[in-house]
Amino acid sequence: MGRAAAYALVTALVLFGVGFLVRSRWDPLIDLDDGVITRLTDVTRDHPGFRDALLTWQELTRPVYLHVVGTLACLLVWWRTGMRTRAWWAFATLMLSWSVGLGAKYVFQRARPVVEDPVSQAPGYSFPSGHAVNSAAWVTVLVVLAWPIVRARAGRVAMVAVAAAVVLVTAFDRMFLGVHYPSDVTVGVVTGTGLVLASYAGYTGWNPADPQPADDPDVDAGDRSTHPHPEEP
């Protein structure tokens, strides 16, 4: 549980620390954000095909779609492997990350980037990026969920590489479309990943890999052997 608290503390410090700088309009951060968005949207504006690809990715990675797929993955793992508590952990963590991302937007209430000739528009507040929070949480949950199932080293490496690529493409998609600042997506990725790490650390603390049998004289060794151990994290 100590690791869970540490991950949660670091995540909160990043979220609220950068959020404070955003709310106070700290000049170095604001200047960096504005400069990057101006340069990236200039690139998008000059390449219509690139813009179309970005808009397609934006639609595919909408949080509601990610969480529908994530929920189906949890159900599949539950059904095919019997890892019920792990599937419940994954589903609950996905819902937690979605809620935290939405709630943080209303706490900080940062306006979307203002671009002279916008290449895309999005409703709601800007900090942190909902796409970034949810994509980072989504891929991290799915990697952790599938880790005991994918036993080959090459498969695990490929799984992590694809997960990292999804997060990076989503983060740059938000900036090239001019709907989020670099600080929005950076904090979003840290928040989504940090929430999952904190949640998983708490889960492994609650559900240890090598549980010890209770010292109960009313339960003999034969009875204990008939009860399955909690599933491994």
C-alpha atoms as a PDB file:
ATOM      1  CA  MET A   1       0.000   0.000   0.000  1.00  0.00           C
ATOM      2  CA  GLY A   2       2.987   2.261   0.491  1.00  0.00           C
ATOM      3  CA  ARG A   3       3.770   2.053  -3.221  1.00  0.00           C
ATOM      4  CA  ALA A   4       0.162   2.876  -4.045  1.00  0.00           C
ATOM      5  CA  ALA A   5       0.348   5.987  -1.867  1.00  0.00           C
ATOM      6  CA  ALA A   6       3.668   7.010  -3.442  1.00  0.00           C
ATOM      7  CA  TYR A   7       2.342   6.682  -7.012  1.00  0.00           C
ATOM      8  CA  ALA A   8      -0.813   8.578  -6.085  1.00  0.00           C
ATOM      9  CA  LEU A   9       1.181  11.357  -4.408  1.00  0.00           C
ATOM     10  CA  VAL A  10       3.499  11.851  -7.397  1.00  0.00           C
ATOM     11  CA  THR A  11       0.534  11.877  -9.775  1.00  0.00           C
ATOM     12  CA  ALA A  12      -1.320  14.426  -7.640  1.00  0.00           C
ATOM     13  CA  LEU A  13       1.768  16.644  -7.354  1.00  0.00           C
ATOM     14  CA  VAL A  14       2.168  16.740 -11.140  1.00  0.00           C
ATOM     15  CA  LEU A  15      -1.523  17.339 -11.781  1.00  0.00           C
ATOM     16  CA  PHE A  16      -2.028  20.057  -9.174  1.00  0.00           C
ATOM     17  CA  GLY A  17       1.450  21.539  -9.530  1.00  0.00           C
ATOM     18  CA  VAL A  18       1.153  22.164 -13.259  1.00  0.00           C
ATOM     19  CA  GLY A  19      -2.517  23.008 -12.776  1.00  0.00           C
ATOM     20  CA  PHE A  20      -1.518  25.783 -10.377  1.00  0.00           C
ATOM     21  CA  LEU A  21       0.937  27.166 -12.954  1.00  0.00           C
ATOM     22  CA  VAL A  22      -1.806  27.055 -15.576  1.00  0.00           C
ATOM     23  CA  ARG A  23      -4.320  28.821 -13.352  1.00  0.00           C
ATOM     24  CA  SER A  24      -1.765  31.481 -12.357  1.00  0.00           C
ATOM     25  CA  ARG A  25      -0.754  31.907 -16.023  1.00  0.00           C
ATOM     26  CA  TRP A  26       2.952  31.434 -15.357  1.00  0.00           C
ATOM     27  CA  ASP A  27       4.585  33.196 -18.314  1.00  0.00           C
ATOM     28  CA  PRO A  28       7.273  30.614 -19.256  1.00  0.00           C
ATOM     29  CA  LEU A  29       4.703  27.821 -19.432  1.00  0.00           C
ATOM     30  CA  ILE A  30       2.118  29.913 -21.292  1.00  0.00           C
ATOM     31  CA  ASP A  31       4.701  31.142 -23.819  1.00  0.00           C
ATOM     32  CA  LEU A  32       5.936  27.600 -24.448  1.00  0.00           C
ATOM     33  CA  ASP A  33       2.421  26.252 -24.884  1.00  0.00           C
ATOM     34  CA  ASP A  34       1.355  29.024 -27.248  1.00  0.00           C
ATOM     35  CA  GLY A  35       4.536  28.788 -29.342  1.00  0.00           C
ATOM     36  CA  VAL A  36       4.282  25.023 -29.819  1.00  0.00           C
ATOM     37  CA  ILE A  37       0.599  25.148 -30.748  1.00  0.00           C
ATOM     38  CA  THR A  38       1.219  27.902 -33.309  1.00  0.00           C
ATOM     39  CA  ARG A  39       3.988  25.952 -35.017  1.00  0.00           C
ATOM     40  CA  LEU A  40       2.181  22.616 -35.016  1.00  0.00           C
ATOM     41  CA  THR A  41      -1.109  23.948 -36.351  1.00  0.00           C
ATOM     42  CA  ASP A  42       0.799  25.678 -39.167  1.00  0.00           C
ATOM     43  CA  VAL A  43       2.041  22.222 -40.220  1.00  0.00           C
ATOM     44  CA  THR A  44      -1.459  20.732 -40.061  1.00  0.00           C
ATOM     45  CA  ARG A  45      -2.977  23.615 -42.001  1.00  0.00           C
ATOM     46  CA  ASP A  46      -0.504  23.093 -44.855  1.00  0.00           C
ATOM     47  CA  HIS A  47      -1.244  19.348 -45.162  1.00  0.00           C
ATOM     48  CA  PRO A  48      -4.975  18.573 -45.604  1.00  0.00           C
ATOM     49  CA  GLY A  49      -4.387  14.808 -45.782  1.00  0.00           C
ATOM     50  CA  PHE A  50      -2.503  14.895 -42.503  1.00  0.00           C
ATOM     51  CA  ARG A  51      -5.342  16.873 -40.944  1.00  0.00           C
ATOM     52  CA  ASP A  52      -7.873  14.265 -42.101  1.00  0.00           C
ATOM     53  CA  ALA A  53      -5.798  11.493 -40.534  1.00  0.00           C
ATOM     54  CA  LEU A  54      -5.605  13.430 -37.265  1.00  0.00           C
ATOM     55  CA  LEU A  55      -9.370  13.932 -37.212  1.00  0.00           C
ATOM     56  CA  THR A  56      -9.919  10.226 -37.835  1.00  0.00           C
ATOM     57  CA  TRP A  57      -7.598   9.310 -34.959  1.00  0.00           C
ATOM     58  CA  GLN A  58      -9.367  11.842 -32.737  1.00  0.00           C
ATOM     59  CA  GLU A  59     -12.677  10.113 -33.395  1.00  0.00           C
ATOM     60  CA  LEU A  60     -11.305   6.593 -32.899  1.00  0.00           C
ATOM     61  CA  THR A  61      -9.749   7.486 -29.545  1.00  0.00           C
ATOM     62  CA  ARG A  62     -12.752   9.186 -28.013  1.00  0.00           C
ATOM     63  CA  PRO A  63     -12.831   8.144 -24.325  1.00  0.00           C
ATOM     64  CA  VAL A  64     -16.273   6.560 -24.616  1.00  0.00           C
ATOM     65  CA  TYR A  65     -15.046   4.234 -27.382  1.00  0.00           C
ATOM     66  CA  LEU A  66     -11.892   3.324 -25.466  1.00  0.00           C
ATOM     67  CA  HIS A  67     -13.872   2.435 -22.372  1.00  0.00           C
ATOM     68  CA  VAL A  68     -16.379   0.331 -24.292  1.00  0.00           C
ATOM     69  CA  VAL A  69     -13.486  -1.686 -25.741  1.00  0.00           C
ATOM     70  CA  GLY A  70     -11.818  -1.809 -22.323  1.00  0.00           C
ATOM     71  CA  THR A  71     -15.000  -3.107 -20.688  1.00  0.00           C
ATOM     72  CA  LEU A  72     -15.330  -5.822 -23.328  1.00  0.00           C
ATOM     73  CA  ALA A  73     -11.693  -6.798 -22.728  1.00  0.00           C
ATOM     74  CA  CYS A  74     -12.373  -7.102 -18.989  1.00  0.00           C
ATOM     75  CA  LEU A  75     -15.378  -9.336 -19.663  1.00  0.00           C
ATOM     76  CA  LEU A  76     -13.368 -11.480 -22.072  1.00  0.00           C
ATOM     77  CA  VAL A  77     -10.557 -11.982 -19.578  1.00  0.00           C
ATOM     78  CA  TRP A  78     -13.079 -12.832 -16.879  1.00  0.00           C
ATOM     79  CA  TRP A  79     -14.840 -15.346 -19.107  1.00  0.00           C
ATOM     80  CA  ARG A  80     -11.786 -17.000 -20.701  1.00  0.00           C
ATOM     81  CA  THR A  81      -9.341 -17.047 -17.782  1.00  0.00           C
ATOM     82  CA  GLY A  82     -11.444 -16.841 -14.643  1.00  0.00           C
ATOM     83  CA  MET A  83      -9.367 -13.927 -13.285  1.00  0.00           C
ATOM     84  CA  ARG A  84     -12.417 -12.251 -11.818  1.00  0.00           C
ATOM     85  CA  THR A  85     -10.824  -9.878  -9.334  1.00  0.00           C
ATOM     86  CA  ARG A  86      -8.240  -8.775 -11.897  1.00  0.00           C
ATOM     87  CA  ALA A  87     -11.000  -8.039 -14.410  1.00  0.00           C
ATOM     88  CA  TRP A  88     -12.967  -6.114 -11.780  1.00  0.00           C
ATOM     89  CA  TRP A  89      -9.827  -4.163 -10.872  1.00  0.00           C
ATOM     90  CA  ALA A  90      -9.265  -3.252 -14.527  1.00  0.00           C
ATOM     91  CA  PHE A  91     -12.858  -2.108 -15.059  1.00  0.00           C
ATOM     92  CA  ALA A  92     -12.941  -0.057 -11.836  1.00  0.00           C
ATOM     93  CA  THR A  93      -9.633   1.604 -12.700  1.00  0.00           C
ATOM     94  CA  LEU A  94     -10.863   2.564 -16.164  1.00  0.00           C
ATOM     95  CA  MET A  95     -13.943   4.196 -14.654  1.00  0.00           C
ATOM     96  CA  LEU A  96     -11.803   5.952 -12.033  1.00  0.00           C
ATOM     97  CA  SER A  97      -9.473   7.435 -14.642  1.00  0.00           C
ATOM     98  CA  TRP A  98     -12.426   8.664 -16.707  1.00  0.00           C
ATOM     99  CA  SER A  99     -13.965  10.335 -13.654  1.00  0.00           C
ATOM    100  CA  VAL A 100     -10.711  11.939 -12.513  1.00  0.00           C
ATOM    101  CA  GLY A 101     -10.016  13.317 -15.985  1.00  0.00           C
ATOM    102  CA  LEU A 102     -13.462  14.893 -16.208  1.00  0.00           C
ATOM    103  CA  GLY A 103     -13.348  16.230 -12.669  1.00  0.00           C
ATOM    104  CA  ALA A 104      -9.927  17.824 -13.121  1.00  0.00           C
ATOM    105  CA  LYS A 105     -11.164  19.819 -16.093  1.00  0.00           C
ATOM    106  CA  TYR A 106     -13.787  21.514 -13.925  1.00  0.00           C
ATOM    107  CA  VAL A 107     -11.261  22.155 -11.171  1.00  0.00           C
ATOM    108  CA  PHE A 108      -8.797  24.040 -13.396  1.00  0.00           C
ATOM    109  CA  GLN A 109     -11.172  25.345 -16.114  1.00  0.00           C
ATOM    110  CA  ARG A 110      -8.495  26.206 -18.644  1.00  0.00           C
ATOM    111  CA  ALA A 111      -9.772  27.515 -21.965  1.00  0.00           C
ATOM    112  CA  ARG A 112      -8.892  25.726 -25.181  1.00  0.00           C
ATOM    113  CA  PRO A 113      -6.036  27.107 -27.305  1.00  0.00           C
ATOM    114  CA  VAL A 114      -6.953  30.135 -29.377  1.00  0.00           C
ATOM    115  CA  VAL A 115      -5.568  29.839 -32.904  1.00  0.00           C
ATOM    116  CA  GLU A 116      -6.025  32.557 -35.524  1.00  0.00           C
ATOM    117  CA  ASP A 117      -7.027  30.048 -38.215  1.00  0.00           C
ATOM    118  CA  PRO A 118      -8.094  26.921 -36.276  1.00  0.00           C
ATOM    119  CA  VAL A 119      -7.771  23.509 -37.914  1.00  0.00           C
ATOM    120  CA  SER A 120     -10.197  21.862 -35.467  1.00  0.00           C
ATOM    121  CA  GLN A 121     -12.409  22.708 -32.521  1.00  0.00           C
ATOM    122  CA  ALA A 122     -13.410  20.835 -29.384  1.00  0.00           C
ATOM    123  CA  PRO A 123     -15.894  21.613 -26.610  1.00  0.00           C
ATOM    124  CA  GLY A 124     -15.170  21.854 -22.905  1.00  0.00           C
ATOM    125  CA  TYR A 125     -12.058  22.750 -20.955  1.00  0.00           C
ATOM    126  CA  SER A 126      -8.485  22.053 -21.945  1.00  0.00           C
ATOM    127  CA  PHE A 127      -6.502  20.946 -18.865  1.00  0.00           C
ATOM    128  CA  PRO A 128      -5.778  18.082 -18.622  1.00  0.00           C
ATOM    129  CA  SER A 129      -6.433  16.477 -21.980  1.00  0.00           C
ATOM    130  CA  GLY A 130      -9.211  13.912 -21.654  1.00  0.00           C
ATOM    131  CA  HIS A 131      -7.920  11.991 -24.657  1.00  0.00           C
ATOM    132  CA  ALA A 132      -4.452  11.836 -23.090  1.00  0.00           C
ATOM    133  CA  VAL A 133      -5.674  10.808 -19.620  1.00  0.00           C
ATOM    134  CA  ASN A 134      -7.958   8.100 -20.936  1.00  0.00           C
ATOM    135  CA  SER A 135      -5.660   6.705 -23.630  1.00  0.00           C
ATOM    136  CA  ALA A 136      -2.765   6.446 -21.150  1.00  0.00           C
ATOM    137  CA  ALA A 137      -4.963   4.790 -18.529  1.00  0.00           C
ATOM    138  CA  TRP A 138      -6.564   2.529 -21.126  1.00  0.00           C
ATOM    139  CA  VAL A 139      -3.357   1.122 -22.582  1.00  0.00           C
ATOM    140  CA  THR A 140      -1.757   0.743 -19.150  1.00  0.00           C
ATOM    141  CA  VAL A 141      -4.766  -1.148 -17.790  1.00  0.00           C
ATOM    142  CA  LEU A 142      -4.894  -3.430 -20.828  1.00  0.00           C
ATOM    143  CA  VAL A 143      -1.169  -4.197 -20.622  1.00  0.00           C
ATOM    144  CA  VAL A 144      -1.424  -5.046 -16.926  1.00  0.00           C
ATOM    145  CA  LEU A 145      -4.611  -7.040 -17.502  1.00  0.00           C
ATOM    146  CA  ALA A 146      -3.062  -9.121 -20.281  1.00  0.00           C
ATOM    147  CA  TRP A 147       0.411  -9.495 -18.743  1.00  0.00           C
ATOM    148  CA  PRO A 148      -0.194 -12.945 -17.146  1.00  0.00           C
ATOM    149  CA  ILE A 149      -1.834 -14.178 -20.360  1.00  0.00           C
ATOM    150  CA  VAL A 150       0.912 -13.071 -22.769  1.00  0.00           C
ATOM    151  CA  ARG A 151       3.847 -15.102 -21.473  1.00  0.00           C
ATOM    152  CA  ALA A 152       6.256 -14.809 -24.412  1.00  0.00           C
ATOM    153  CA  ARG A 153       8.851 -12.066 -23.990  1.00  0.00           C
ATOM    154  CA  ALA A 154       8.434 -10.930 -27.609  1.00  0.00           C
ATOM    155  CA  GLY A 155       4.690 -10.663 -27.114  1.00  0.00           C
ATOM    156  CA  ARG A 156       5.083  -8.556 -24.001  1.00  0.00           C
ATOM    157  CA  VAL A 157       7.606  -6.256 -25.684  1.00  0.00           C
ATOM    158  CA  ALA A 158       5.268  -5.821 -28.660  1.00  0.00           C
ATOM    159  CA  MET A 159       2.337  -5.128 -26.330  1.00  0.00           C
ATOM    160  CA  VAL A 160       4.227  -2.381 -24.484  1.00  0.00           C
ATOM    161  CA  ALA A 161       5.523  -0.878 -27.746  1.00  0.00           C
ATOM    162  CA  VAL A 162       2.035  -0.674 -29.251  1.00  0.00           C
ATOM    163  CA  ALA A 163       0.677   0.821 -26.027  1.00  0.00           C
ATOM    164  CA  ALA A 164       3.377   3.514 -25.993  1.00  0.00           C
ATOM    165  CA  ALA A 165       2.733   4.287 -29.672  1.00  0.00           C
ATOM    166  CA  VAL A 166      -1.001   4.740 -29.061  1.00  0.00           C
ATOM    167  CA  VAL A 167      -0.346   7.224 -26.264  1.00  0.00           C
ATOM    168  CA  LEU A 168       2.260   9.189 -28.230  1.00  0.00           C
ATOM    169  CA  VAL A 169       0.130   9.413 -31.367  1.00  0.00           C
ATOM    170  CA  THR A 170      -2.865  10.536 -29.311  1.00  0.00           C
ATOM    171  CA  ALA A 171      -0.829  13.195 -27.516  1.00  0.00           C
ATOM    172  CA  PHE A 172       0.562  14.643 -30.754  1.00  0.00           C
ATOM    173  CA  ASP A 173      -2.849  14.393 -32.417  1.00  0.00           C
ATOM    174  CA  ARG A 174      -4.301  16.764 -29.795  1.00  0.00           C
ATOM    175  CA  MET A 175      -1.509  19.296 -30.301  1.00  0.00           C
ATOM    176  CA  PHE A 176      -1.363  19.172 -34.115  1.00  0.00           C
ATOM    177  CA  LEU A 177      -5.119  19.776 -34.169  1.00  0.00           C
ATOM    178  CA  GLY A 178      -4.652  22.754 -31.853  1.00  0.00           C
ATOM    179  CA  VAL A 179      -7.213  21.602 -29.299  1.00  0.00           C
ATOM    180  CA  HIS A 180      -4.745  21.029 -26.442  1.00  0.00           C
ATOM    181  CA  TYR A 181      -1.518  22.576 -25.214  1.00  0.00           C
ATOM    182  CA  PRO A 182       1.636  20.514 -24.607  1.00  0.00           C
ATOM    183  CA  SER A 183       1.146  20.868 -20.847  1.00  0.00           C
ATOM    184  CA  ASP A 184      -2.406  19.510 -21.207  1.00  0.00           C
ATOM    185  CA  VAL A 185      -1.324  16.295 -22.893  1.00  0.00           C
ATOM    186  CA  THR A 186       1.841  15.802 -20.824  1.00  0.00           C
ATOM    187  CA  VAL A 187      -0.040  16.045 -17.537  1.00  0.00           C
ATOM    188  CA  GLY A 188      -2.832  13.935 -19.017  1.00  0.00           C
ATOM    189  CA  VAL A 189      -0.427  11.085 -19.814  1.00  0.00           C
ATOM    190  CA  VAL A 190       1.198  11.295 -16.368  1.00  0.00           C
ATOM    191  CA  THR A 191      -2.205  11.372 -14.672  1.00  0.00           C
ATOM    192  CA  GLY A 192      -3.640   8.428 -16.586  1.00  0.00           C
ATOM    193  CA  THR A 193      -0.543   6.261 -16.144  1.00  0.00           C
ATOM    194  CA  GLY A 194      -0.041   7.271 -12.519  1.00  0.00           C
ATOM    195  CA  LEU A 195      -3.619   6.465 -11.564  1.00  0.00           C
ATOM    196  CA  VAL A 196      -3.300   2.959 -12.981  1.00  0.00           C
ATOM    197  CA  LEU A 197       0.047   2.330 -11.270  1.00  0.00           C
ATOM    198  CA  ALA A 198      -1.341   3.510  -7.938  1.00  0.00           C
ATOM    199  CA  SER A 199      -4.456   1.410  -8.373  1.00  0.00           C
ATOM    200  CA  TYR A 200      -2.495  -1.694  -9.344  1.00  0.00           C
ATOM    201  CA  ALA A 201      -0.089  -1.296  -6.433  1.00  0.00           C
ATOM    202  CA  GLY A 202      -3.070  -1.175  -4.104  1.00  0.00           C
ATOM    203  CA  TYR A 203      -4.597  -4.210  -5.823  1.00  0.00           C
ATOM    204  CA  THR A 204      -1.436  -6.290  -5.447  1.00  0.00           C
ATOM    205  CA  GLY A 205      -1.191  -5.266  -1.796  1.00  0.00           C
ATOM    206  CA  TRP A 206      -4.756  -6.409  -1.196  1.00  0.00           C
ATOM    207  CA  ASN A 207      -4.369  -9.594  -3.284  1.00  0.00           C
ATOM    208  CA  PRO A 208      -0.826 -10.904  -2.592  1.00  0.00           C
ATOM    209  CA  ALA A 209       0.793 -13.399  -4.935  1.00  0.00           C
ATOM    210  CA  ASP A 210       1.732 -15.770  -2.082  1.00  0.00           C
ATOM    211  CA  PRO A 211      -1.051 -15.615   0.507  1.00  0.00           C
ATOM    212  CA  GLN A 212      -0.471 -17.273   3.885  1.00  0.00           C
ATOM    213  CA  PRO A 213      -3.154 -19.591   5.287  1.00  0.00           C
ATOM    214  CA  ALA A 214      -5.005 -18.380   8.351  1.00  0.00           C
ATOM    215  CA  ASP A 215      -3.966 -19.849  11.687  1.00  0.00           C
ATOM    216  CA  ASP A 216      -7.375 -21.293  12.497  1.00  0.00           C
ATOM    217  CA  PRO A 217      -7.566 -24.529  14.525  1.00  0.00           C
ATOM    218  CA  ASP A 218     -11.102 -25.116  13.236  1.00  0.00           C
ATOM    219  CA  VAL A 219      -9.811 -25.439   9.658  1.00  0.00           C
ATOM    220  CA  ASP A 220      -7.606 -28.441   9.046  1.00  0.00           C
ATOM    221  CA  ALA A 221      -5.031 -28.804   6.316  1.00  0.00           C
ATOM    222  CA  GLY A 222      -7.363 -30.894   4.195  1.00  0.00           C
ATOM    223  CA  ASP A 223     -10.026 -28.216   4.200  1.00  0.00           C
ATOM    224  CA  ARG A 224      -7.518 -25.572   3.270  1.00  0.00           C
ATOM    225  CA  SER A 225      -6.371 -27.528   0.252  1.00  0.00           C
ATOM    226  CA  THR A 226      -9.859 -27.450  -1.200  1.00  0.00           C
ATOM    227  CA  HIS A 227      -9.998 -23.661  -1.286  1.00  0.00           C
ATOM    228  CA  PRO A 228      -8.245 -22.037  -4.219  1.00  0.00           C
ATOM    229  CA  HIS A 229      -5.701 -19.359  -3.566  1.00  0.00           C
ATOM    230  CA  PRO A 230      -6.535 -15.829  -4.640  1.00  0.00           C
ATOM    231  CA  GLU A 231      -5.490 -15.282  -8.215  1.00  0.00           C
ATOM    232  CA  GLU A 232      -2.011 -13.970  -8.788  1.00  0.00           C
ATOM    233  CA  PRO A 233      -1.640 -10.268  -9.532  1.00  0.00           C
END
